[in-house]
Amino acid sequence: MTLLSTKERPGRTAQLGPDDWIGAALSVLVESGIEAVQITTLARKLNVTRGSFYWHFEGRSDLLKALLAEWRARNSGVMLDALAQSVSLEAGVLDLFSVWVDHTRFDPKFDQAVRDWARRDAALGQALREEDDARVAAIAAFFERFGYEPTEAFVRGRVIYFTQLSFYALGIDEPMAQRVAYLDAYFLCFTGTKIDASVSEAYRRLLLSGEEE
C-alpha cells in the first residue's frame, strides 16, 4: 500500500517540523542506540504516520545527517563559543568548565551515544576523530592566545578535553560541592598556574547557587 504524502493528509501531521523528528531521533539514539532510530519507531513515538517524515526528509540517511549536524552544533559549537568569548585565561577555563557541567548546553549523553554509534560506522568513526581533533585544536588555540607555546598548548588542550570525556565515559557521579572543592587543584593541573582566590571563590558560589535553585 502506498502511503499518502503529508500534503495529502489533513490534520496535525503537517504541523510537525524537522526539529520534531530530530528531537525524537536524538531521544531514541540516547535511550536505545542507533539501530533503534528507525522511521516507524519515530513515527510511533510522535504519534503520526510515516508519511509525515517524508515531508521533511528524503530518507533515514538524511535524518541521520541532520542528527549529526545537531550534535556538532550543540556539543562543539557551545565549546567554541565559550572559548572565543574569553577575555582571560581564568575566564576561558572557567567558561569551559561551565559548559561541561551544564547539561542543557553540552549534552554528555548525546555525545556518548554518538561515540557508541561510531563504533559501528567506520565513516562516522573518522568524522568523530576529526571532531575531537577540532575541539582539542580550539582549546590549544585558546592556550596559545594566552602565551603558551604550541606544543604545550596542544598537550594541555588534550589533557583538559580527554579528562572531561573520561569523566562522562566512566559515569562518575560526583556531587557538585565535592567537584568544585577541587577547582584550584584542577586549574593548576590544567594550566600550570594558580587561580586567583577571589575568582575561584566567586565561581564556586555561582555553581553551588545554581544547584540550590
N, C-alpha and C. Protein backbone atom coordinates (compact mmCIF):
# COMPACT_ATOMS: atom_id res chain seq x y z
N MET A 1 0.85 -1.19 0.00
CA MET A 1 0.00 0.00 0.00
C MET A 1 0.88 1.24 0.00
N THR A 2 0.58 2.19 -0.88
CA THR A 2 1.34 3.43 -0.95
C THR A 2 0.83 4.44 0.06
N LEU A 3 1.76 4.98 0.86
CA LEU A 3 1.37 5.97 1.86
C LEU A 3 1.13 7.31 1.20
N LEU A 4 0.13 8.01 1.67
CA LEU A 4 -0.13 9.37 1.19
C LEU A 4 0.93 10.30 1.75
N SER A 5 1.30 11.30 0.99
CA SER A 5 2.24 12.29 1.49
C SER A 5 1.52 13.21 2.47
N THR A 6 2.31 13.95 3.22
CA THR A 6 1.72 14.88 4.19
C THR A 6 0.87 15.94 3.49
N LYS A 7 1.25 16.29 2.25
CA LYS A 7 0.47 17.28 1.53
C LYS A 7 -0.97 16.81 1.32
N GLU A 8 -1.14 15.48 1.27
CA GLU A 8 -2.46 14.94 1.01
C GLU A 8 -3.24 14.62 2.27
N ARG A 9 -2.59 14.82 3.43
CA ARG A 9 -3.23 14.47 4.69
C ARG A 9 -3.62 15.73 5.46
N PRO A 10 -4.83 15.83 5.91
CA PRO A 10 -5.20 16.94 6.78
C PRO A 10 -4.69 16.69 8.18
N GLY A 11 -4.77 17.71 9.02
CA GLY A 11 -4.51 17.49 10.43
C GLY A 11 -3.08 17.78 10.85
N ARG A 12 -2.72 17.20 12.00
CA ARG A 12 -1.52 17.65 12.68
C ARG A 12 -0.23 17.08 12.13
N THR A 13 -0.28 16.08 11.24
CA THR A 13 0.98 15.57 10.71
C THR A 13 1.74 16.67 9.99
N ALA A 14 1.03 17.57 9.31
CA ALA A 14 1.69 18.65 8.58
C ALA A 14 2.28 19.69 9.53
N GLN A 15 1.87 19.64 10.81
CA GLN A 15 2.35 20.63 11.76
C GLN A 15 3.71 20.25 12.34
N LEU A 16 4.11 19.02 12.19
CA LEU A 16 5.42 18.62 12.68
C LEU A 16 6.51 19.23 11.81
N GLY A 17 7.57 19.70 12.47
CA GLY A 17 8.70 20.24 11.73
C GLY A 17 9.88 19.28 11.79
N PRO A 18 10.92 19.54 11.03
CA PRO A 18 12.09 18.66 11.07
C PRO A 18 12.72 18.55 12.45
N ASP A 19 12.63 19.63 13.22
CA ASP A 19 13.20 19.59 14.58
C ASP A 19 12.49 18.57 15.46
N ASP A 20 11.19 18.34 15.21
CA ASP A 20 10.46 17.33 15.98
C ASP A 20 11.04 15.94 15.73
N TRP A 21 11.31 15.67 14.45
CA TRP A 21 11.87 14.37 14.09
C TRP A 21 13.31 14.23 14.59
N ILE A 22 14.08 15.29 14.51
CA ILE A 22 15.46 15.24 15.01
C ILE A 22 15.46 15.04 16.52
N GLY A 23 14.56 15.75 17.21
CA GLY A 23 14.46 15.59 18.66
C GLY A 23 14.06 14.18 19.05
N ALA A 24 13.13 13.60 18.33
CA ALA A 24 12.72 12.23 18.61
C ALA A 24 13.86 11.26 18.33
N ALA A 25 14.57 11.50 17.22
CA ALA A 25 15.71 10.64 16.87
C ALA A 25 16.80 10.73 17.94
N LEU A 26 17.06 11.94 18.43
CA LEU A 26 18.06 12.13 19.49
C LEU A 26 17.66 11.33 20.73
N SER A 27 16.42 11.43 21.11
CA SER A 27 15.94 10.72 22.30
C SER A 27 16.10 9.22 22.16
N VAL A 28 15.72 8.69 21.00
CA VAL A 28 15.83 7.24 20.78
C VAL A 28 17.30 6.82 20.71
N LEU A 29 18.14 7.63 20.06
CA LEU A 29 19.57 7.33 19.99
C LEU A 29 20.16 7.20 21.39
N VAL A 30 19.87 8.15 22.25
CA VAL A 30 20.42 8.15 23.60
C VAL A 30 19.88 6.97 24.41
N GLU A 31 18.60 6.68 24.25
CA GLU A 31 17.97 5.64 25.06
C GLU A 31 18.29 4.23 24.57
N SER A 32 18.36 4.05 23.24
CA SER A 32 18.39 2.69 22.71
C SER A 32 19.47 2.42 21.67
N GLY A 33 20.20 3.43 21.22
CA GLY A 33 21.24 3.21 20.24
C GLY A 33 20.78 3.47 18.82
N ILE A 34 21.75 3.52 17.91
CA ILE A 34 21.47 3.93 16.54
C ILE A 34 20.56 2.94 15.81
N GLU A 35 20.65 1.65 16.14
CA GLU A 35 19.81 0.68 15.43
C GLU A 35 18.34 0.93 15.65
N ALA A 36 18.00 1.55 16.78
CA ALA A 36 16.59 1.81 17.11
C ALA A 36 16.06 3.07 16.44
N VAL A 37 16.94 3.86 15.83
CA VAL A 37 16.49 5.09 15.16
C VAL A 37 15.95 4.70 13.79
N GLN A 38 14.70 4.34 13.77
CA GLN A 38 14.01 3.90 12.56
C GLN A 38 12.77 4.77 12.35
N ILE A 39 12.42 4.96 11.10
CA ILE A 39 11.30 5.85 10.78
C ILE A 39 10.01 5.40 11.47
N THR A 40 9.72 4.11 11.40
CA THR A 40 8.49 3.62 12.02
C THR A 40 8.50 3.85 13.52
N THR A 41 9.64 3.61 14.16
CA THR A 41 9.75 3.82 15.61
C THR A 41 9.51 5.29 15.96
N LEU A 42 10.10 6.18 15.18
CA LEU A 42 9.95 7.60 15.45
C LEU A 42 8.52 8.07 15.21
N ALA A 43 7.90 7.56 14.14
CA ALA A 43 6.51 7.93 13.86
C ALA A 43 5.61 7.50 15.00
N ARG A 44 5.87 6.30 15.52
CA ARG A 44 5.08 5.81 16.65
C ARG A 44 5.31 6.69 17.88
N LYS A 45 6.55 7.08 18.11
CA LYS A 45 6.88 7.92 19.26
C LYS A 45 6.19 9.28 19.16
N LEU A 46 6.10 9.81 17.94
CA LEU A 46 5.48 11.12 17.71
C LEU A 46 3.97 11.01 17.49
N ASN A 47 3.48 9.76 17.42
CA ASN A 47 2.05 9.51 17.22
C ASN A 47 1.55 10.10 15.89
N VAL A 48 2.33 9.83 14.83
CA VAL A 48 1.96 10.28 13.49
C VAL A 48 2.23 9.15 12.51
N THR A 49 1.85 9.34 11.26
CA THR A 49 2.12 8.34 10.23
C THR A 49 3.53 8.53 9.67
N ARG A 50 4.03 7.49 9.03
CA ARG A 50 5.34 7.57 8.38
C ARG A 50 5.37 8.65 7.30
N GLY A 51 4.23 8.91 6.69
CA GLY A 51 4.17 9.90 5.63
C GLY A 51 4.62 11.27 6.07
N SER A 52 4.41 11.59 7.35
CA SER A 52 4.83 12.89 7.87
C SER A 52 6.34 13.05 7.79
N PHE A 53 7.06 11.96 7.95
CA PHE A 53 8.53 12.00 7.92
C PHE A 53 9.02 12.49 6.56
N TYR A 54 8.41 11.99 5.49
CA TYR A 54 8.89 12.28 4.15
C TYR A 54 8.54 13.70 3.69
N TRP A 55 7.80 14.40 4.49
CA TRP A 55 7.57 15.82 4.22
C TRP A 55 8.87 16.61 4.42
N HIS A 56 9.74 16.11 5.33
CA HIS A 56 10.93 16.85 5.73
C HIS A 56 12.25 16.19 5.31
N PHE A 57 12.25 14.87 5.12
CA PHE A 57 13.49 14.16 4.84
C PHE A 57 13.30 13.20 3.67
N GLU A 58 14.37 13.03 2.90
CA GLU A 58 14.31 12.10 1.77
C GLU A 58 14.28 10.66 2.26
N GLY A 59 14.96 10.40 3.35
CA GLY A 59 15.03 9.05 3.89
C GLY A 59 15.76 9.05 5.21
N ARG A 60 16.00 7.86 5.77
CA ARG A 60 16.64 7.73 7.07
C ARG A 60 18.04 8.34 7.06
N SER A 61 18.80 8.14 5.99
CA SER A 61 20.16 8.68 5.95
C SER A 61 20.16 10.20 6.04
N ASP A 62 19.15 10.82 5.46
CA ASP A 62 19.01 12.27 5.53
C ASP A 62 18.78 12.71 6.97
N LEU A 63 17.96 11.97 7.69
CA LEU A 63 17.72 12.26 9.10
C LEU A 63 18.99 12.08 9.92
N LEU A 64 19.75 11.03 9.65
CA LEU A 64 20.98 10.79 10.42
C LEU A 64 22.00 11.90 10.20
N LYS A 65 22.07 12.43 8.98
CA LYS A 65 22.96 13.57 8.73
C LYS A 65 22.52 14.78 9.56
N ALA A 66 21.21 14.99 9.63
CA ALA A 66 20.69 16.11 10.42
C ALA A 66 20.97 15.90 11.91
N LEU A 67 20.90 14.65 12.34
CA LEU A 67 21.16 14.33 13.74
C LEU A 67 22.62 14.63 14.09
N LEU A 68 23.54 14.30 13.20
CA LEU A 68 24.95 14.60 13.43
C LEU A 68 25.22 16.10 13.39
N ALA A 69 24.53 16.80 12.51
CA ALA A 69 24.67 18.26 12.47
C ALA A 69 24.21 18.87 13.78
N GLU A 70 23.15 18.31 14.35
CA GLU A 70 22.65 18.78 15.65
C GLU A 70 23.68 18.53 16.74
N TRP A 71 24.31 17.37 16.70
CA TRP A 71 25.35 17.03 17.68
C TRP A 71 26.51 18.02 17.59
N ARG A 72 26.95 18.32 16.38
CA ARG A 72 28.06 19.26 16.22
C ARG A 72 27.67 20.66 16.72
N ALA A 73 26.47 21.08 16.37
CA ALA A 73 26.03 22.42 16.77
C ALA A 73 25.92 22.54 18.28
N ARG A 74 25.38 21.51 18.90
CA ARG A 74 25.19 21.56 20.35
C ARG A 74 26.51 21.41 21.10
N ASN A 75 27.22 20.33 20.82
CA ASN A 75 28.32 19.95 21.69
C ASN A 75 29.67 20.52 21.28
N SER A 76 29.86 20.83 20.02
CA SER A 76 31.10 21.52 19.63
C SER A 76 30.89 23.02 19.62
N GLY A 77 29.77 23.45 19.08
CA GLY A 77 29.51 24.88 18.96
C GLY A 77 29.54 25.61 20.28
N VAL A 78 28.96 25.02 21.30
CA VAL A 78 28.90 25.70 22.59
C VAL A 78 30.29 25.82 23.21
N MET A 79 31.16 24.83 22.98
CA MET A 79 32.53 24.92 23.47
C MET A 79 33.30 26.02 22.75
N LEU A 80 33.18 26.05 21.44
CA LEU A 80 33.90 27.05 20.65
C LEU A 80 33.45 28.46 21.01
N ASP A 81 32.15 28.63 21.23
CA ASP A 81 31.63 29.94 21.61
C ASP A 81 32.21 30.39 22.95
N ALA A 82 32.27 29.46 23.91
CA ALA A 82 32.79 29.81 25.24
C ALA A 82 34.24 30.24 25.16
N LEU A 83 35.04 29.53 24.38
CA LEU A 83 36.46 29.86 24.27
C LEU A 83 36.67 31.16 23.51
N ALA A 84 35.88 31.38 22.49
CA ALA A 84 36.04 32.58 21.66
C ALA A 84 35.74 33.86 22.44
N GLN A 85 34.85 33.76 23.41
CA GLN A 85 34.42 34.94 24.15
C GLN A 85 35.29 35.24 25.37
N SER A 86 36.25 34.35 25.67
CA SER A 86 37.04 34.51 26.89
C SER A 86 37.98 35.71 26.80
N VAL A 87 38.08 36.43 27.89
CA VAL A 87 38.92 37.63 27.93
C VAL A 87 40.18 37.42 28.76
N SER A 88 40.30 36.25 29.40
CA SER A 88 41.47 35.94 30.21
C SER A 88 41.59 34.43 30.31
N LEU A 89 42.75 33.96 30.74
CA LEU A 89 42.97 32.52 30.92
C LEU A 89 41.96 31.96 31.93
N GLU A 90 41.80 32.64 33.04
CA GLU A 90 40.87 32.17 34.06
C GLU A 90 39.45 32.12 33.53
N ALA A 91 39.04 33.18 32.84
CA ALA A 91 37.67 33.24 32.33
C ALA A 91 37.42 32.12 31.32
N GLY A 92 38.39 31.87 30.44
CA GLY A 92 38.20 30.84 29.42
C GLY A 92 38.08 29.45 30.01
N VAL A 93 38.98 29.11 30.92
CA VAL A 93 38.93 27.78 31.55
C VAL A 93 37.65 27.61 32.34
N LEU A 94 37.25 28.64 33.08
CA LEU A 94 36.02 28.54 33.87
C LEU A 94 34.79 28.51 32.98
N ASP A 95 34.82 29.23 31.88
CA ASP A 95 33.70 29.17 30.93
C ASP A 95 33.57 27.76 30.35
N LEU A 96 34.71 27.13 30.06
CA LEU A 96 34.70 25.77 29.55
C LEU A 96 34.14 24.81 30.60
N PHE A 97 34.56 24.97 31.84
CA PHE A 97 34.01 24.17 32.93
C PHE A 97 32.49 24.34 33.00
N SER A 98 32.05 25.60 32.87
CA SER A 98 30.62 25.89 32.97
C SER A 98 29.82 25.17 31.89
N VAL A 99 30.38 25.12 30.68
CA VAL A 99 29.72 24.41 29.58
C VAL A 99 29.57 22.94 29.93
N TRP A 100 30.63 22.35 30.46
CA TRP A 100 30.62 20.91 30.70
C TRP A 100 29.75 20.48 31.87
N VAL A 101 29.55 21.35 32.84
CA VAL A 101 28.70 20.96 33.96
C VAL A 101 27.23 21.31 33.73
N ASP A 102 26.96 22.11 32.70
CA ASP A 102 25.59 22.49 32.38
C ASP A 102 25.10 21.62 31.22
N HIS A 103 24.34 20.59 31.52
CA HIS A 103 23.94 19.63 30.50
C HIS A 103 22.82 20.13 29.60
N THR A 104 22.34 21.33 29.86
CA THR A 104 21.43 21.96 28.89
C THR A 104 22.24 22.62 27.77
N ARG A 105 23.55 22.75 27.97
CA ARG A 105 24.42 23.34 26.95
C ARG A 105 25.24 22.25 26.25
N PHE A 106 26.00 21.51 27.01
CA PHE A 106 26.73 20.36 26.46
C PHE A 106 26.02 19.10 26.94
N ASP A 107 25.57 18.27 26.01
CA ASP A 107 24.78 17.08 26.34
C ASP A 107 25.69 15.85 26.33
N PRO A 108 26.16 15.41 27.50
CA PRO A 108 27.11 14.28 27.53
C PRO A 108 26.50 12.96 27.08
N LYS A 109 25.21 12.75 27.34
CA LYS A 109 24.57 11.51 26.91
C LYS A 109 24.50 11.45 25.38
N PHE A 110 24.20 12.58 24.77
CA PHE A 110 24.18 12.66 23.31
C PHE A 110 25.58 12.38 22.76
N ASP A 111 26.59 12.98 23.39
CA ASP A 111 27.96 12.80 22.94
C ASP A 111 28.37 11.33 23.04
N GLN A 112 28.05 10.69 24.15
CA GLN A 112 28.42 9.29 24.33
C GLN A 112 27.65 8.39 23.36
N ALA A 113 26.40 8.74 23.08
CA ALA A 113 25.61 7.94 22.15
C ALA A 113 26.19 8.00 20.74
N VAL A 114 26.69 9.17 20.34
CA VAL A 114 27.33 9.30 19.03
C VAL A 114 28.62 8.48 19.00
N ARG A 115 29.34 8.43 20.11
CA ARG A 115 30.57 7.64 20.17
C ARG A 115 30.26 6.14 20.08
N ASP A 116 29.19 5.71 20.71
CA ASP A 116 28.77 4.31 20.58
C ASP A 116 28.39 4.01 19.12
N TRP A 117 27.70 4.93 18.51
CA TRP A 117 27.29 4.79 17.10
C TRP A 117 28.52 4.68 16.21
N ALA A 118 29.54 5.48 16.50
CA ALA A 118 30.75 5.49 15.67
C ALA A 118 31.50 4.17 15.71
N ARG A 119 31.31 3.38 16.76
CA ARG A 119 31.97 2.08 16.83
C ARG A 119 31.40 1.11 15.80
N ARG A 120 30.22 1.41 15.27
CA ARG A 120 29.56 0.55 14.30
C ARG A 120 29.63 1.13 12.88
N ASP A 121 30.25 2.30 12.75
CA ASP A 121 30.24 3.00 11.47
C ASP A 121 31.62 3.61 11.24
N ALA A 122 32.39 3.03 10.33
CA ALA A 122 33.76 3.46 10.12
C ALA A 122 33.84 4.92 9.66
N ALA A 123 32.94 5.32 8.78
CA ALA A 123 32.96 6.69 8.27
C ALA A 123 32.68 7.67 9.40
N LEU A 124 31.71 7.33 10.25
CA LEU A 124 31.42 8.20 11.38
C LEU A 124 32.58 8.21 12.36
N GLY A 125 33.23 7.05 12.52
CA GLY A 125 34.39 6.99 13.40
C GLY A 125 35.46 7.99 12.98
N GLN A 126 35.70 8.08 11.68
CA GLN A 126 36.68 9.05 11.17
C GLN A 126 36.20 10.48 11.41
N ALA A 127 34.91 10.72 11.17
CA ALA A 127 34.35 12.05 11.41
C ALA A 127 34.45 12.43 12.89
N LEU A 128 34.23 11.46 13.75
CA LEU A 128 34.32 11.71 15.19
C LEU A 128 35.74 12.06 15.59
N ARG A 129 36.72 11.35 15.05
CA ARG A 129 38.12 11.67 15.35
C ARG A 129 38.46 13.08 14.88
N GLU A 130 37.95 13.45 13.73
CA GLU A 130 38.19 14.81 13.23
C GLU A 130 37.53 15.85 14.13
N GLU A 131 36.34 15.52 14.63
CA GLU A 131 35.64 16.45 15.53
C GLU A 131 36.40 16.60 16.85
N ASP A 132 36.89 15.49 17.39
CA ASP A 132 37.68 15.55 18.61
C ASP A 132 38.95 16.37 18.38
N ASP A 133 39.60 16.16 17.22
CA ASP A 133 40.80 16.93 16.91
C ASP A 133 40.50 18.42 16.83
N ALA A 134 39.34 18.75 16.26
CA ALA A 134 38.96 20.16 16.14
C ALA A 134 38.69 20.77 17.52
N ARG A 135 38.08 20.01 18.41
CA ARG A 135 37.83 20.51 19.76
C ARG A 135 39.14 20.73 20.50
N VAL A 136 40.05 19.77 20.40
CA VAL A 136 41.36 19.92 21.04
C VAL A 136 42.09 21.11 20.45
N ALA A 137 42.04 21.25 19.13
CA ALA A 137 42.71 22.38 18.47
C ALA A 137 42.17 23.72 18.96
N ALA A 138 40.86 23.78 19.20
CA ALA A 138 40.26 25.03 19.68
C ALA A 138 40.76 25.36 21.09
N ILE A 139 40.88 24.34 21.93
CA ILE A 139 41.38 24.58 23.28
C ILE A 139 42.86 24.95 23.22
N ALA A 140 43.62 24.27 22.35
CA ALA A 140 45.04 24.59 22.20
C ALA A 140 45.22 26.03 21.71
N ALA A 141 44.40 26.44 20.75
CA ALA A 141 44.48 27.81 20.24
C ALA A 141 44.17 28.82 21.34
N PHE A 142 43.25 28.46 22.21
CA PHE A 142 42.93 29.31 23.36
C PHE A 142 44.16 29.47 24.26
N PHE A 143 44.84 28.36 24.57
CA PHE A 143 46.04 28.43 25.40
C PHE A 143 47.14 29.25 24.72
N GLU A 144 47.29 29.06 23.41
CA GLU A 144 48.30 29.84 22.69
C GLU A 144 48.00 31.34 22.78
N ARG A 145 46.72 31.66 22.73
CA ARG A 145 46.32 33.07 22.79
C ARG A 145 46.77 33.73 24.10
N PHE A 146 46.95 32.90 25.13
CA PHE A 146 47.36 33.45 26.43
C PHE A 146 48.79 33.05 26.78
N GLY A 147 49.62 32.88 25.73
CA GLY A 147 51.06 32.84 25.93
C GLY A 147 51.72 31.48 25.98
N TYR A 148 50.98 30.39 25.82
CA TYR A 148 51.59 29.07 25.84
C TYR A 148 52.17 28.75 24.47
N GLU A 149 53.36 28.11 24.45
CA GLU A 149 53.95 27.74 23.17
C GLU A 149 53.14 26.58 22.58
N PRO A 150 53.19 26.39 21.25
CA PRO A 150 52.26 25.48 20.57
C PRO A 150 52.21 24.05 21.10
N THR A 151 53.38 23.43 21.35
CA THR A 151 53.35 22.03 21.81
C THR A 151 52.71 21.92 23.18
N GLU A 152 53.08 22.81 24.09
CA GLU A 152 52.49 22.79 25.42
C GLU A 152 50.98 23.07 25.34
N ALA A 153 50.61 24.02 24.50
CA ALA A 153 49.18 24.35 24.36
C ALA A 153 48.40 23.14 23.85
N PHE A 154 48.97 22.42 22.88
CA PHE A 154 48.32 21.24 22.33
C PHE A 154 48.15 20.16 23.40
N VAL A 155 49.20 19.89 24.15
CA VAL A 155 49.13 18.86 25.18
C VAL A 155 48.14 19.24 26.27
N ARG A 156 48.16 20.50 26.67
CA ARG A 156 47.21 20.93 27.70
C ARG A 156 45.78 20.84 27.17
N GLY A 157 45.59 21.17 25.89
CA GLY A 157 44.27 21.02 25.29
C GLY A 157 43.79 19.59 25.33
N ARG A 158 44.69 18.67 25.00
CA ARG A 158 44.34 17.25 25.05
C ARG A 158 44.00 16.81 26.48
N VAL A 159 44.84 17.21 27.42
CA VAL A 159 44.64 16.78 28.81
C VAL A 159 43.29 17.24 29.34
N ILE A 160 42.97 18.50 29.14
CA ILE A 160 41.73 19.03 29.70
C ILE A 160 40.52 18.41 29.00
N TYR A 161 40.61 18.20 27.69
CA TYR A 161 39.48 17.66 26.94
C TYR A 161 39.28 16.17 27.21
N PHE A 162 40.35 15.39 27.14
CA PHE A 162 40.20 13.94 27.35
C PHE A 162 39.87 13.61 28.79
N THR A 163 40.31 14.45 29.72
CA THR A 163 39.90 14.26 31.12
C THR A 163 38.39 14.37 31.25
N GLN A 164 37.82 15.38 30.60
CA GLN A 164 36.37 15.57 30.70
C GLN A 164 35.63 14.43 30.01
N LEU A 165 36.10 13.99 28.83
CA LEU A 165 35.46 12.86 28.16
C LEU A 165 35.47 11.62 29.03
N SER A 166 36.59 11.38 29.71
CA SER A 166 36.70 10.22 30.60
C SER A 166 35.72 10.33 31.76
N PHE A 167 35.53 11.53 32.25
CA PHE A 167 34.58 11.77 33.34
C PHE A 167 33.19 11.30 32.93
N TYR A 168 32.80 11.63 31.69
CA TYR A 168 31.50 11.20 31.19
C TYR A 168 31.47 9.70 30.93
N ALA A 169 32.52 9.18 30.26
CA ALA A 169 32.54 7.78 29.86
C ALA A 169 32.49 6.84 31.06
N LEU A 170 33.13 7.24 32.15
CA LEU A 170 33.15 6.41 33.35
C LEU A 170 31.89 6.57 34.20
N GLY A 171 31.06 7.52 33.82
CA GLY A 171 29.81 7.72 34.56
C GLY A 171 30.03 8.15 35.99
N ILE A 172 31.03 8.98 36.22
CA ILE A 172 31.34 9.43 37.58
C ILE A 172 30.20 10.32 38.10
N ASP A 173 29.65 9.95 39.22
CA ASP A 173 28.55 10.69 39.84
C ASP A 173 29.09 11.38 41.09
N GLU A 174 29.48 12.61 40.93
CA GLU A 174 30.13 13.35 42.00
C GLU A 174 29.31 14.58 42.34
N PRO A 175 28.93 14.77 43.60
CA PRO A 175 28.18 15.98 43.96
C PRO A 175 28.94 17.24 43.57
N MET A 176 28.20 18.26 43.15
CA MET A 176 28.84 19.49 42.70
C MET A 176 29.73 20.09 43.78
N ALA A 177 29.29 20.02 45.03
CA ALA A 177 30.08 20.60 46.12
C ALA A 177 31.45 19.94 46.21
N GLN A 178 31.48 18.63 46.01
CA GLN A 178 32.76 17.91 46.04
C GLN A 178 33.60 18.26 44.81
N ARG A 179 32.94 18.36 43.68
CA ARG A 179 33.68 18.64 42.44
C ARG A 179 34.33 20.01 42.49
N VAL A 180 33.59 21.03 42.92
CA VAL A 180 34.16 22.38 42.93
C VAL A 180 35.19 22.55 44.04
N ALA A 181 35.19 21.65 45.02
CA ALA A 181 36.20 21.72 46.06
C ALA A 181 37.60 21.48 45.48
N TYR A 182 37.66 20.81 44.33
CA TYR A 182 38.93 20.54 43.68
C TYR A 182 39.29 21.60 42.64
N LEU A 183 38.52 22.65 42.55
CA LEU A 183 38.69 23.61 41.47
C LEU A 183 40.10 24.17 41.38
N ASP A 184 40.67 24.61 42.49
CA ASP A 184 42.00 25.22 42.46
C ASP A 184 43.04 24.22 41.96
N ALA A 185 42.93 22.97 42.42
CA ALA A 185 43.89 21.95 42.02
C ALA A 185 43.72 21.60 40.54
N TYR A 186 42.46 21.51 40.08
CA TYR A 186 42.22 21.25 38.66
C TYR A 186 42.83 22.37 37.80
N PHE A 187 42.58 23.59 38.22
CA PHE A 187 43.07 24.73 37.43
C PHE A 187 44.60 24.71 37.35
N LEU A 188 45.26 24.43 38.47
CA LEU A 188 46.72 24.36 38.48
C LEU A 188 47.21 23.22 37.58
N CYS A 189 46.54 22.08 37.66
CA CYS A 189 46.92 20.93 36.84
C CYS A 189 46.76 21.23 35.35
N PHE A 190 45.65 21.84 34.98
CA PHE A 190 45.35 22.07 33.57
C PHE A 190 46.14 23.23 32.96
N THR A 191 46.47 24.23 33.76
CA THR A 191 47.10 25.44 33.22
C THR A 191 48.55 25.65 33.65
N GLY A 192 48.95 25.01 34.77
CA GLY A 192 50.28 25.25 35.30
C GLY A 192 50.39 26.54 36.09
N THR A 193 49.27 27.21 36.31
CA THR A 193 49.26 28.45 37.09
C THR A 193 48.17 28.37 38.16
N LYS A 194 48.32 29.19 39.17
CA LYS A 194 47.32 29.22 40.24
C LYS A 194 46.19 30.18 39.89
N ILE A 195 45.00 29.81 40.26
CA ILE A 195 43.85 30.68 40.02
C ILE A 195 43.75 31.70 41.16
N ASP A 196 43.33 32.90 40.82
CA ASP A 196 43.12 33.93 41.85
C ASP A 196 42.07 33.45 42.84
N ALA A 197 42.36 33.56 44.12
CA ALA A 197 41.48 33.02 45.15
C ALA A 197 40.08 33.64 45.10
N SER A 198 40.01 34.93 44.82
CA SER A 198 38.70 35.58 44.78
C SER A 198 37.88 35.11 43.58
N VAL A 199 38.56 34.88 42.45
CA VAL A 199 37.87 34.38 41.27
C VAL A 199 37.36 32.97 41.52
N SER A 200 38.21 32.15 42.13
CA SER A 200 37.83 30.77 42.44
C SER A 200 36.62 30.72 43.37
N GLU A 201 36.64 31.54 44.40
CA GLU A 201 35.55 31.55 45.38
C GLU A 201 34.26 32.03 44.74
N ALA A 202 34.33 33.06 43.92
CA ALA A 202 33.12 33.57 43.25
C ALA A 202 32.54 32.52 42.32
N TYR A 203 33.39 31.79 41.63
CA TYR A 203 32.92 30.76 40.70
C TYR A 203 32.26 29.61 41.47
N ARG A 204 32.86 29.20 42.56
CA ARG A 204 32.27 28.13 43.38
C ARG A 204 30.89 28.54 43.88
N ARG A 205 30.78 29.77 44.35
CA ARG A 205 29.48 30.25 44.85
C ARG A 205 28.45 30.24 43.73
N LEU A 206 28.88 30.63 42.53
CA LEU A 206 27.96 30.67 41.39
C LEU A 206 27.44 29.27 41.06
N LEU A 207 28.32 28.29 40.98
CA LEU A 207 27.90 26.93 40.65
C LEU A 207 27.01 26.34 41.75
N LEU A 208 27.39 26.56 42.99
CA LEU A 208 26.61 25.98 44.08
C LEU A 208 25.27 26.66 44.25
N SER A 209 25.18 27.94 43.92
CA SER A 209 23.88 28.62 44.00
C SER A 209 22.93 28.06 42.95
N GLY A 210 23.48 27.68 41.81
CA GLY A 210 22.66 27.06 40.77
C GLY A 210 22.13 25.70 41.19
N GLU A 211 22.91 24.98 41.99
CA GLU A 211 22.49 23.68 42.49
C GLU A 211 21.33 23.82 43.48
N GLU A 212 21.29 24.93 44.19
CA GLU A 212 20.27 25.13 45.22
C GLU A 212 18.94 25.56 44.65
N GLU A 213 18.93 26.08 43.42
CA GLU A 213 17.69 26.62 42.82
C GLU A 213 16.74 25.49 42.41
